[in-house]
PDB file of all heavy atoms in Angstrom:
ATOM      1  N   LYS A   1      13.058  21.458  28.157  1.00  0.00           N
ATOM      2  CA  LYS A   1      13.389  21.185  29.559  1.00  0.00           C
ATOM      3  C   LYS A   1      14.609  20.289  29.701  1.00  0.00           C
ATOM      4  O   LYS A   1      15.459  20.506  30.565  1.00  0.00           O
ATOM      5  CB  LYS A   1      12.195  20.514  30.256  1.00  0.00           C
ATOM      6  CG  LYS A   1      10.917  21.334  30.314  1.00  0.00           C
ATOM      7  CD  LYS A   1      11.032  22.569  31.171  1.00  0.00           C
ATOM      8  CE  LYS A   1       9.658  23.191  31.461  1.00  0.00           C
ATOM      9  NZ  LYS A   1       8.864  23.503  30.258  1.00  0.00           N
ATOM     10  N   PHE A   2      14.717  19.255  28.868  1.00  0.00           N
ATOM     11  CA  PHE A   2      15.743  18.237  29.059  1.00  0.00           C
ATOM     12  C   PHE A   2      16.931  18.345  28.111  1.00  0.00           C
ATOM     13  O   PHE A   2      17.995  17.796  28.392  1.00  0.00           O
ATOM     14  CB  PHE A   2      15.117  16.842  28.921  1.00  0.00           C
ATOM     15  CG  PHE A   2      13.997  16.581  29.898  1.00  0.00           C
ATOM     16  CD1 PHE A   2      12.874  15.867  29.504  1.00  0.00           C
ATOM     17  CD2 PHE A   2      14.059  17.049  31.196  1.00  0.00           C
ATOM     18  CE1 PHE A   2      11.839  15.620  30.400  1.00  0.00           C
ATOM     19  CE2 PHE A   2      13.026  16.817  32.100  1.00  0.00           C
ATOM     20  CZ  PHE A   2      11.923  16.105  31.702  1.00  0.00           C
ATOM     21  N   LYS A   3      16.743  19.031  26.966  1.00  0.00           N
ATOM     22  CA  LYS A   3      17.831  19.163  26.009  1.00  0.00           C
ATOM     23  C   LYS A   3      18.248  20.615  25.765  1.00  0.00           C
ATOM     24  O   LYS A   3      19.245  20.882  25.101  1.00  0.00           O
ATOM     25  CB  LYS A   3      17.446  18.519  24.668  1.00  0.00           C
ATOM     26  CG  LYS A   3      17.347  16.994  24.710  1.00  0.00           C
ATOM     27  CD  LYS A   3      16.930  16.444  23.352  1.00  0.00           C
ATOM     28  CE  LYS A   3      17.016  14.932  23.297  1.00  0.00           C
ATOM     29  NZ  LYS A   3      18.415  14.447  23.314  1.00  0.00           N
ATOM     30  N   GLY A   4      17.437  21.555  26.249  1.00  0.00           N
ATOM     31  CA  GLY A   4      17.772  22.965  26.093  1.00  0.00           C
ATOM     32  C   GLY A   4      17.578  23.501  24.697  1.00  0.00           C
ATOM     33  O   GLY A   4      18.216  24.481  24.308  1.00  0.00           O
ATOM     34  N   THR A   5      16.691  22.875  23.912  1.00  0.00           N
ATOM     35  CA  THR A   5      16.450  23.338  22.547  1.00  0.00           C
ATOM     36  C   THR A   5      15.006  23.085  22.148  1.00  0.00           C
ATOM     37  O   THR A   5      14.378  22.136  22.644  1.00  0.00           O
ATOM     38  CB  THR A   5      17.379  22.609  21.553  1.00  0.00           C
ATOM     39  OG1 THR A   5      17.103  23.066  20.211  1.00  0.00           O
ATOM     40  CG2 THR A   5      17.185  21.104  21.612  1.00  0.00           C
ATOM     41  N   THR A   6      14.486  23.928  21.273  1.00  0.00           N
ATOM     42  CA  THR A   6      13.147  23.697  20.718  1.00  0.00           C
ATOM     43  C   THR A   6      13.215  22.839  19.462  1.00  0.00           C
ATOM     44  O   THR A   6      12.177  22.381  18.968  1.00  0.00           O
ATOM     45  CB  THR A   6      12.473  25.032  20.337  1.00  0.00           C
ATOM     46  OG1 THR A   6      13.262  25.690  19.327  1.00  0.00           O
ATOM     47  CG2 THR A   6      12.331  25.947  21.543  1.00  0.00           C
ATOM     48  N   TYR A   7      14.406  22.609  18.951  1.00  0.00           N
ATOM     49  CA  TYR A   7      14.563  21.968  17.643  1.00  0.00           C
ATOM     50  C   TYR A   7      14.594  20.447  17.764  1.00  0.00           C
ATOM     51  O   TYR A   7      15.519  19.873  18.338  1.00  0.00           O
ATOM     52  CB  TYR A   7      15.848  22.467  16.987  1.00  0.00           C
ATOM     53  CG  TYR A   7      16.063  21.977  15.566  1.00  0.00           C
ATOM     54  CD1 TYR A   7      15.023  21.961  14.640  1.00  0.00           C
ATOM     55  CD2 TYR A   7      17.309  21.524  15.152  1.00  0.00           C
ATOM     56  CE1 TYR A   7      15.213  21.515  13.339  1.00  0.00           C
ATOM     57  CE2 TYR A   7      17.518  21.079  13.859  1.00  0.00           C
ATOM     58  CZ  TYR A   7      16.464  21.069  12.961  1.00  0.00           C
ATOM     59  OH  TYR A   7      16.662  20.622  11.678  1.00  0.00           O
ATOM     60  N   VAL A   8      13.580  19.791  17.212  1.00  0.00           N
ATOM     61  CA  VAL A   8      13.533  18.331  17.170  1.00  0.00           C
ATOM     62  C   VAL A   8      14.187  17.913  15.850  1.00  0.00           C
ATOM     63  O   VAL A   8      13.543  17.879  14.794  1.00  0.00           O
ATOM     64  CB  VAL A   8      12.078  17.818  17.255  1.00  0.00           C
ATOM     65  CG1 VAL A   8      12.044  16.293  17.261  1.00  0.00           C
ATOM     66  CG2 VAL A   8      11.396  18.383  18.504  1.00  0.00           C
ATOM     67  N   ASP A   9      15.472  17.615  15.898  1.00  0.00           N
ATOM     68  CA  ASP A   9      16.269  17.516  14.676  1.00  0.00           C
ATOM     69  C   ASP A   9      15.949  16.309  13.801  1.00  0.00           C
ATOM     70  O   ASP A   9      16.288  16.305  12.614  1.00  0.00           O
ATOM     71  CB  ASP A   9      17.768  17.540  15.009  1.00  0.00           C
ATOM     72  CG  ASP A   9      18.177  16.450  15.985  1.00  0.00           C
ATOM     73  OD1 ASP A   9      17.299  15.674  16.410  1.00  0.00           O
ATOM     74  OD2 ASP A   9      19.377  16.375  16.317  1.00  0.00           O
ATOM     75  N   PHE A  10      15.298  15.287  14.348  1.00  0.00           N
ATOM     76  CA  PHE A  10      15.017  14.106  13.524  1.00  0.00           C
ATOM     77  C   PHE A  10      13.697  14.226  12.758  1.00  0.00           C
ATOM     78  O   PHE A  10      13.385  13.384  11.932  1.00  0.00           O
ATOM     79  CB  PHE A  10      15.011  12.830  14.377  1.00  0.00           C
ATOM     80  CG  PHE A  10      13.954  12.797  15.455  1.00  0.00           C
ATOM     81  CD1 PHE A  10      12.647  12.430  15.171  1.00  0.00           C
ATOM     82  CD2 PHE A  10      14.280  13.126  16.763  1.00  0.00           C
ATOM     83  CE1 PHE A  10      11.684  12.391  16.167  1.00  0.00           C
ATOM     84  CE2 PHE A  10      13.325  13.088  17.768  1.00  0.00           C
ATOM     85  CZ  PHE A  10      12.022  12.720  17.463  1.00  0.00           C
ATOM     86  N   MET A  11      12.934  15.267  13.024  1.00  0.00           N
ATOM     87  CA  MET A  11      11.629  15.425  12.380  1.00  0.00           C
ATOM     88  C   MET A  11      11.728  16.489  11.282  1.00  0.00           C
ATOM     89  O   MET A  11      11.983  17.662  11.550  1.00  0.00           O
ATOM     90  CB  MET A  11      10.584  15.841  13.431  1.00  0.00           C
ATOM     91  CG  MET A  11       9.155  15.839  12.925  1.00  0.00           C
ATOM     92  SD  MET A  11       7.962  16.253  14.251  1.00  0.00           S
ATOM     93  CE  MET A  11       8.176  14.882  15.375  1.00  0.00           C
ATOM     94  N   GLU A  12      11.528  16.072  10.031  1.00  0.00           N
ATOM     95  CA  GLU A  12      11.655  16.997   8.908  1.00  0.00           C
ATOM     96  C   GLU A  12      10.310  17.453   8.362  1.00  0.00           C
ATOM     97  O   GLU A  12      10.204  18.550   7.808  1.00  0.00           O
ATOM     98  CB  GLU A  12      12.473  16.351   7.789  1.00  0.00           C
ATOM     99  CG  GLU A  12      13.926  16.061   8.175  1.00  0.00           C
ATOM    100  CD  GLU A  12      14.730  15.503   7.018  1.00  0.00           C
ATOM    101  OE1 GLU A  12      14.137  15.242   5.951  1.00  0.00           O
ATOM    102  OE2 GLU A  12      15.950  15.331   7.184  1.00  0.00           O
ATOM    103  N   ASN A  13       9.293  16.613   8.478  1.00  0.00           N
ATOM    104  CA  ASN A  13       7.954  16.960   7.990  1.00  0.00           C
ATOM    105  C   ASN A  13       6.921  16.517   9.020  1.00  0.00           C
ATOM    106  O   ASN A  13       7.062  15.456   9.647  1.00  0.00           O
ATOM    107  CB  ASN A  13       7.659  16.258   6.650  1.00  0.00           C
ATOM    108  CG  ASN A  13       8.659  16.607   5.578  1.00  0.00           C
ATOM    109  OD1 ASN A  13       8.651  17.707   5.037  1.00  0.00           O
ATOM    110  ND2 ASN A  13       9.553  15.664   5.267  1.00  0.00           N
ATOM    111  N   TYR A  14       5.873  17.315   9.171  1.00  0.00           N
ATOM    112  CA  TYR A  14       4.845  17.002  10.170  1.00  0.00           C
ATOM    113  C   TYR A  14       3.459  17.359   9.631  1.00  0.00           C
ATOM    114  O   TYR A  14       3.289  18.348   8.913  1.00  0.00           O
ATOM    115  CB  TYR A  14       5.086  17.763  11.476  1.00  0.00           C
ATOM    116  CG  TYR A  14       3.918  17.627  12.434  1.00  0.00           C
ATOM    117  CD1 TYR A  14       3.766  16.493  13.217  1.00  0.00           C
ATOM    118  CD2 TYR A  14       2.939  18.620  12.509  1.00  0.00           C
ATOM    119  CE1 TYR A  14       2.680  16.334  14.060  1.00  0.00           C
ATOM    120  CE2 TYR A  14       1.847  18.477  13.353  1.00  0.00           C
ATOM    121  CZ  TYR A  14       1.720  17.332  14.125  1.00  0.00           C
ATOM    122  OH  TYR A  14       0.639  17.181  14.941  1.00  0.00           O
ATOM    123  N   ALA A  15       2.456  16.546  10.029  1.00  0.00           N
ATOM    124  CA  ALA A  15       1.066  16.847   9.689  1.00  0.00           C
ATOM    125  C   ALA A  15       0.172  16.436  10.862  1.00  0.00           C
ATOM    126  O   ALA A  15       0.437  15.444  11.545  1.00  0.00           O
ATOM    127  CB  ALA A  15       0.631  16.120   8.425  1.00  0.00           C
ATOM    128  N   ASP A  16      -0.874  17.203  11.064  1.00  0.00           N
ATOM    129  CA  ASP A  16      -1.867  16.926  12.096  1.00  0.00           C
ATOM    130  C   ASP A  16      -2.930  16.008  11.488  1.00  0.00           C
ATOM    131  O   ASP A  16      -3.760  16.450  10.700  1.00  0.00           O
ATOM    132  CB  ASP A  16      -2.477  18.241  12.575  1.00  0.00           C
ATOM    133  CG  ASP A  16      -3.503  18.074  13.678  1.00  0.00           C
ATOM    134  OD1 ASP A  16      -3.966  16.943  13.898  1.00  0.00           O
ATOM    135  OD2 ASP A  16      -3.843  19.088  14.310  1.00  0.00           O
ATOM    136  N   VAL A  17      -2.896  14.725  11.855  1.00  0.00           N
ATOM    137  CA  VAL A  17      -3.810  13.760  11.240  1.00  0.00           C
ATOM    138  C   VAL A  17      -5.248  13.985  11.703  1.00  0.00           C
ATOM    139  O   VAL A  17      -6.200  13.691  10.980  1.00  0.00           O
ATOM    140  CB  VAL A  17      -3.346  12.311  11.519  1.00  0.00           C
ATOM    141  CG1 VAL A  17      -3.495  11.947  12.974  1.00  0.00           C
ATOM    142  CG2 VAL A  17      -4.079  11.332  10.630  1.00  0.00           C
ATOM    143  N   GLN A  18      -5.426  14.527  12.909  1.00  0.00           N
ATOM    144  CA  GLN A  18      -6.779  14.847  13.369  1.00  0.00           C
ATOM    145  C   GLN A  18      -7.399  15.930  12.474  1.00  0.00           C
ATOM    146  O   GLN A  18      -8.543  15.795  12.025  1.00  0.00           O
ATOM    147  CB  GLN A  18      -6.744  15.343  14.811  1.00  0.00           C
ATOM    148  CG  GLN A  18      -8.117  15.693  15.375  1.00  0.00           C
ATOM    149  CD  GLN A  18      -8.022  16.502  16.647  1.00  0.00           C
ATOM    150  OE1 GLN A  18      -7.429  17.576  16.672  1.00  0.00           O
ATOM    151  NE2 GLN A  18      -8.602  15.991  17.717  1.00  0.00           N
ATOM    152  N   LYS A  19      -6.652  16.973  12.223  1.00  0.00           N
ATOM    153  CA  LYS A  19      -7.137  18.071  11.382  1.00  0.00           C
ATOM    154  C   LYS A  19      -7.458  17.566   9.982  1.00  0.00           C
ATOM    155  O   LYS A  19      -8.452  17.991   9.367  1.00  0.00           O
ATOM    156  CB  LYS A  19      -6.087  19.179  11.334  1.00  0.00           C
ATOM    157  CG  LYS A  19      -6.532  20.459  10.659  1.00  0.00           C
ATOM    158  CD  LYS A  19      -5.451  21.521  10.769  1.00  0.00           C
ATOM    159  CE  LYS A  19      -5.892  22.824  10.112  1.00  0.00           C
ATOM    160  NZ  LYS A  19      -4.825  23.866  10.220  1.00  0.00           N
ATOM    161  N   TYR A  20      -6.611  16.679   9.454  1.00  0.00           N
ATOM    162  CA  TYR A  20      -6.851  16.127   8.125  1.00  0.00           C
ATOM    163  C   TYR A  20      -8.127  15.297   8.106  1.00  0.00           C
ATOM    164  O   TYR A  20      -8.973  15.454   7.216  1.00  0.00           O
ATOM    165  CB  TYR A  20      -5.654  15.272   7.695  1.00  0.00           C
ATOM    166  CG  TYR A  20      -5.904  14.513   6.413  1.00  0.00           C
ATOM    167  CD1 TYR A  20      -5.954  15.168   5.189  1.00  0.00           C
ATOM    168  CD2 TYR A  20      -6.127  13.136   6.425  1.00  0.00           C
ATOM    169  CE1 TYR A  20      -6.213  14.484   4.009  1.00  0.00           C
ATOM    170  CE2 TYR A  20      -6.373  12.438   5.258  1.00  0.00           C
ATOM    171  CZ  TYR A  20      -6.420  13.118   4.054  1.00  0.00           C
ATOM    172  OH  TYR A  20      -6.690  12.436   2.896  1.00  0.00           O
ATOM    173  N   CYS A  21      -8.293  14.415   9.079  1.00  0.00           N
ATOM    174  CA  CYS A  21      -9.464  13.532   9.096  1.00  0.00           C
ATOM    175  C   CYS A  21     -10.765  14.305   9.277  1.00  0.00           C
ATOM    176  O   CYS A  21     -11.813  13.904   8.745  1.00  0.00           O
ATOM    177  CB  CYS A  21      -9.326  12.498  10.220  1.00  0.00           C
ATOM    178  SG  CYS A  21      -8.099  11.203   9.895  1.00  0.00           S
ATOM    179  N   MET A  22     -10.723  15.400   9.997  1.00  0.00           N
ATOM    180  CA  MET A  22     -11.941  16.152  10.286  1.00  0.00           C
ATOM    181  C   MET A  22     -12.601  16.710   9.033  1.00  0.00           C
ATOM    182  O   MET A  22     -13.811  16.939   9.016  1.00  0.00           O
ATOM    183  CB  MET A  22     -11.647  17.279  11.287  1.00  0.00           C
ATOM    184  CG  MET A  22     -11.537  16.783  12.723  1.00  0.00           C
ATOM    185  SD  MET A  22     -10.956  18.064  13.874  1.00  0.00           S
ATOM    186  CE  MET A  22     -12.159  19.348  13.615  1.00  0.00           C
ATOM    187  N   GLN A  23     -11.826  16.928   7.981  1.00  0.00           N
ATOM    188  CA  GLN A  23     -12.427  17.477   6.764  1.00  0.00           C
ATOM    189  C   GLN A  23     -13.320  16.459   6.047  1.00  0.00           C
ATOM    190  O   GLN A  23     -14.079  16.817   5.152  1.00  0.00           O
ATOM    191  CB  GLN A  23     -11.342  17.985   5.816  1.00  0.00           C
ATOM    192  CG  GLN A  23     -10.474  16.889   5.220  1.00  0.00           C
ATOM    193  CD  GLN A  23      -9.497  17.413   4.193  1.00  0.00           C
ATOM    194  OE1 GLN A  23      -9.803  18.330   3.425  1.00  0.00           O
ATOM    195  NE2 GLN A  23      -8.310  16.833   4.175  1.00  0.00           N
ATOM    196  N   PHE A  24     -13.265  15.202   6.470  1.00  0.00           N
ATOM    197  CA  PHE A  24     -14.099  14.166   5.865  1.00  0.00           C
ATOM    198  C   PHE A  24     -15.347  13.872   6.692  1.00  0.00           C
ATOM    199  O   PHE A  24     -16.093  12.953   6.381  1.00  0.00           O
ATOM    200  CB  PHE A  24     -13.289  12.881   5.693  1.00  0.00           C
ATOM    201  CG  PHE A  24     -12.142  13.015   4.725  1.00  0.00           C
ATOM    202  CD1 PHE A  24     -10.881  13.368   5.171  1.00  0.00           C
ATOM    203  CD2 PHE A  24     -12.340  12.818   3.368  1.00  0.00           C
ATOM    204  CE1 PHE A  24      -9.824  13.509   4.290  1.00  0.00           C
ATOM    205  CE2 PHE A  24     -11.285  12.952   2.472  1.00  0.00           C
ATOM    206  CZ  PHE A  24     -10.023  13.300   2.934  1.00  0.00           C
ATOM    207  N   ILE A  25     -15.557  14.642   7.741  1.00  0.00           N
ATOM    208  CA  ILE A  25     -16.721  14.439   8.609  1.00  0.00           C
ATOM    209  C   ILE A  25     -17.786  15.469   8.252  1.00  0.00           C
ATOM    210  O   ILE A  25     -17.570  16.681   8.396  1.00  0.00           O
ATOM    211  CB  ILE A  25     -16.322  14.550  10.089  1.00  0.00           C
ATOM    212  CG1 ILE A  25     -15.301  13.458  10.431  1.00  0.00           C
ATOM    213  CG2 ILE A  25     -17.567  14.430  10.986  1.00  0.00           C
ATOM    214  CD1 ILE A  25     -14.740  13.567  11.828  1.00  0.00           C
ATOM    215  N   ASP A  26     -18.913  15.029   7.786  1.00  0.00           N
ATOM    216  CA  ASP A  26     -19.997  15.919   7.365  1.00  0.00           C
ATOM    217  C   ASP A  26     -20.617  16.624   8.568  1.00  0.00           C
ATOM    218  O   ASP A  26     -20.740  16.054   9.656  1.00  0.00           O
ATOM    219  CB  ASP A  26     -21.088  15.128   6.637  1.00  0.00           C
ATOM    220  CG  ASP A  26     -20.593  14.554   5.313  1.00  0.00           C
ATOM    221  OD1 ASP A  26     -19.675  15.148   4.726  1.00  0.00           O
ATOM    222  OD2 ASP A  26     -21.121  13.495   4.900  1.00  0.00           O
ATOM    223  N   ASN A  27     -21.001  17.888   8.331  1.00  0.00           N
ATOM    224  CA  ASN A  27     -21.721  18.675   9.329  1.00  0.00           C
ATOM    225  C   ASN A  27     -20.959  18.796  10.646  1.00  0.00           C
ATOM    226  O   ASN A  27     -21.553  18.859  11.728  1.00  0.00           O
ATOM    227  CB  ASN A  27     -23.112  18.075   9.607  1.00  0.00           C
ATOM    228  CG  ASN A  27     -23.952  17.975   8.353  1.00  0.00           C
ATOM    229  OD1 ASN A  27     -23.979  18.894   7.537  1.00  0.00           O
ATOM    230  ND2 ASN A  27     -24.636  16.848   8.185  1.00  0.00           N
ATOM    231  N   HIS A  28     -19.648  18.828  10.550  1.00  0.00           N
ATOM    232  CA  HIS A  28     -18.857  18.979  11.774  1.00  0.00           C
ATOM    233  C   HIS A  28     -18.782  20.445  12.166  1.00  0.00           C
ATOM    234  O   HIS A  28     -18.688  21.320  11.315  1.00  0.00           O
ATOM    235  CB  HIS A  28     -17.452  18.411  11.574  1.00  0.00           C
ATOM    236  CG  HIS A  28     -16.688  18.251  12.845  1.00  0.00           C
ATOM    237  ND1 HIS A  28     -15.799  19.186  13.299  1.00  0.00           N
ATOM    238  CD2 HIS A  28     -16.718  17.271  13.786  1.00  0.00           C
ATOM    239  CE1 HIS A  28     -15.295  18.786  14.447  1.00  0.00           C
ATOM    240  NE2 HIS A  28     -15.836  17.627  14.758  1.00  0.00           N
ATOM    241  N   ASP A  29     -18.818  20.723  13.493  1.00  0.00           N
ATOM    242  CA  ASP A  29     -18.869  22.107  13.957  1.00  0.00           C
ATOM    243  C   ASP A  29     -17.502  22.778  14.052  1.00  0.00           C
ATOM    244  O   ASP A  29     -17.401  23.935  14.460  1.00  0.00           O
ATOM    245  CB  ASP A  29     -19.570  22.189  15.320  1.00  0.00           C
ATOM    246  CG  ASP A  29     -18.883  21.339  16.388  1.00  0.00           C
ATOM    247  OD1 ASP A  29     -17.781  20.816  16.117  1.00  0.00           O
ATOM    248  OD2 ASP A  29     -19.454  21.204  17.490  1.00  0.00           O
ATOM    249  N   GLY A  30     -16.448  22.069  13.688  1.00  0.00           N
ATOM    250  CA  GLY A  30     -15.114  22.663  13.708  1.00  0.00           C
ATOM    251  C   GLY A  30     -14.332  22.395  14.971  1.00  0.00           C
ATOM    252  O   GLY A  30     -13.124  22.612  15.018  1.00  0.00           O
ATOM    253  N   ASN A  31     -15.000  21.930  16.031  1.00  0.00           N
ATOM    254  CA  ASN A  31     -14.303  21.596  17.268  1.00  0.00           C
ATOM    255  C   ASN A  31     -13.525  20.299  17.100  1.00  0.00           C
ATOM    256  O   ASN A  31     -13.875  19.445  16.288  1.00  0.00           O
ATOM    257  CB  ASN A  31     -15.295  21.460  18.423  1.00  0.00           C
ATOM    258  CG  ASN A  31     -15.943  22.787  18.783  1.00  0.00           C
ATOM    259  OD1 ASN A  31     -15.282  23.827  18.779  1.00  0.00           O
ATOM    260  ND2 ASN A  31     -17.228  22.764  19.086  1.00  0.00           N
ATOM    261  N   GLN A  32     -12.474  20.158  17.898  1.00  0.00           N
ATOM    262  CA  GLN A  32     -11.665  18.949  17.811  1.00  0.00           C
ATOM    263  C   GLN A  32     -12.495  17.716  18.173  1.00  0.00           C
ATOM    264  O   GLN A  32     -13.369  17.776  19.026  1.00  0.00           O
ATOM    265  CB  GLN A  32     -10.456  19.055  18.735  1.00  0.00           C
ATOM    266  CG  GLN A  32      -9.424  20.062  18.260  1.00  0.00           C
ATOM    267  CD  GLN A  32      -8.166  20.019  19.100  1.00  0.00           C
ATOM    268  OE1 GLN A  32      -8.182  19.633  20.251  1.00  0.00           O
ATOM    269  NE2 GLN A  32      -7.049  20.416  18.509  1.00  0.00           N
ATOM    270  N   ILE A  33     -12.192  16.625  17.518  1.00  0.00           N
ATOM    271  CA  ILE A  33     -12.931  15.389  17.728  1.00  0.00           C
ATOM    272  C   ILE A  33     -11.989  14.337  18.299  1.00  0.00           C
ATOM    273  O   ILE A  33     -10.804  14.289  17.945  1.00  0.00           O
ATOM    274  CB  ILE A  33     -13.554  14.913  16.395  1.00  0.00           C
ATOM    275  CG1 ILE A  33     -14.481  13.730  16.617  1.00  0.00           C
ATOM    276  CG2 ILE A  33     -12.485  14.575  15.373  1.00  0.00           C
ATOM    277  CD1 ILE A  33     -15.296  13.367  15.394  1.00  0.00           C
ATOM    278  N   SER A  34     -12.500  13.518  19.205  1.00  0.00           N
ATOM    279  CA  SER A  34     -11.664  12.493  19.815  1.00  0.00           C
ATOM    280  C   SER A  34     -11.355  11.394  18.807  1.00  0.00           C
ATOM    281  O   SER A  34     -12.083  11.186  17.827  1.00  0.00           O
ATOM    282  CB  SER A  34     -12.347  11.893  21.041  1.00  0.00           C
ATOM    283  OG  SER A  34     -13.455  11.094  20.647  1.00  0.00           O
ATOM    284  N   LEU A  35     -10.285  10.673  19.072  1.00  0.00           N
ATOM    285  CA  LEU A  35      -9.869   9.580  18.193  1.00  0.00           C
ATOM    286  C   LEU A  35     -10.935   8.490  18.142  1.00  0.00           C
ATOM    287  O   LEU A  35     -11.274   7.983  17.067  1.00  0.00           O
ATOM    288  CB  LEU A  35      -8.534   9.014  18.675  1.00  0.00           C
ATOM    289  CG  LEU A  35      -7.971   7.805  17.926  1.00  0.00           C
ATOM    290  CD1 LEU A  35      -7.795   8.118  16.454  1.00  0.00           C
ATOM    291  CD2 LEU A  35      -6.634   7.389  18.557  1.00  0.00           C
ATOM    292  N   SER A  36     -11.484   8.133  19.294  1.00  0.00           N
ATOM    293  CA  SER A  36     -12.489   7.069  19.334  1.00  0.00           C
ATOM    294  C   SER A  36     -13.760   7.479  18.597  1.00  0.00           C
ATOM    295  O   SER A  36     -14.381   6.648  17.904  1.00  0.00           O
ATOM    296  CB  SER A  36     -12.819   6.702  20.779  1.00  0.00           C
ATOM    297  OG  SER A  36     -13.289   7.822  21.496  1.00  0.00           O
TER     298      SER A  36
END
């Protein structure tokens, strides 16, 4: 909207920390979990 590009040039690597943390939760149903 503001820069006319999809490319975020300063970001070279990205990871979803929520997705990573969820693998350590036992018996989780796969739905997203809140931070709190």
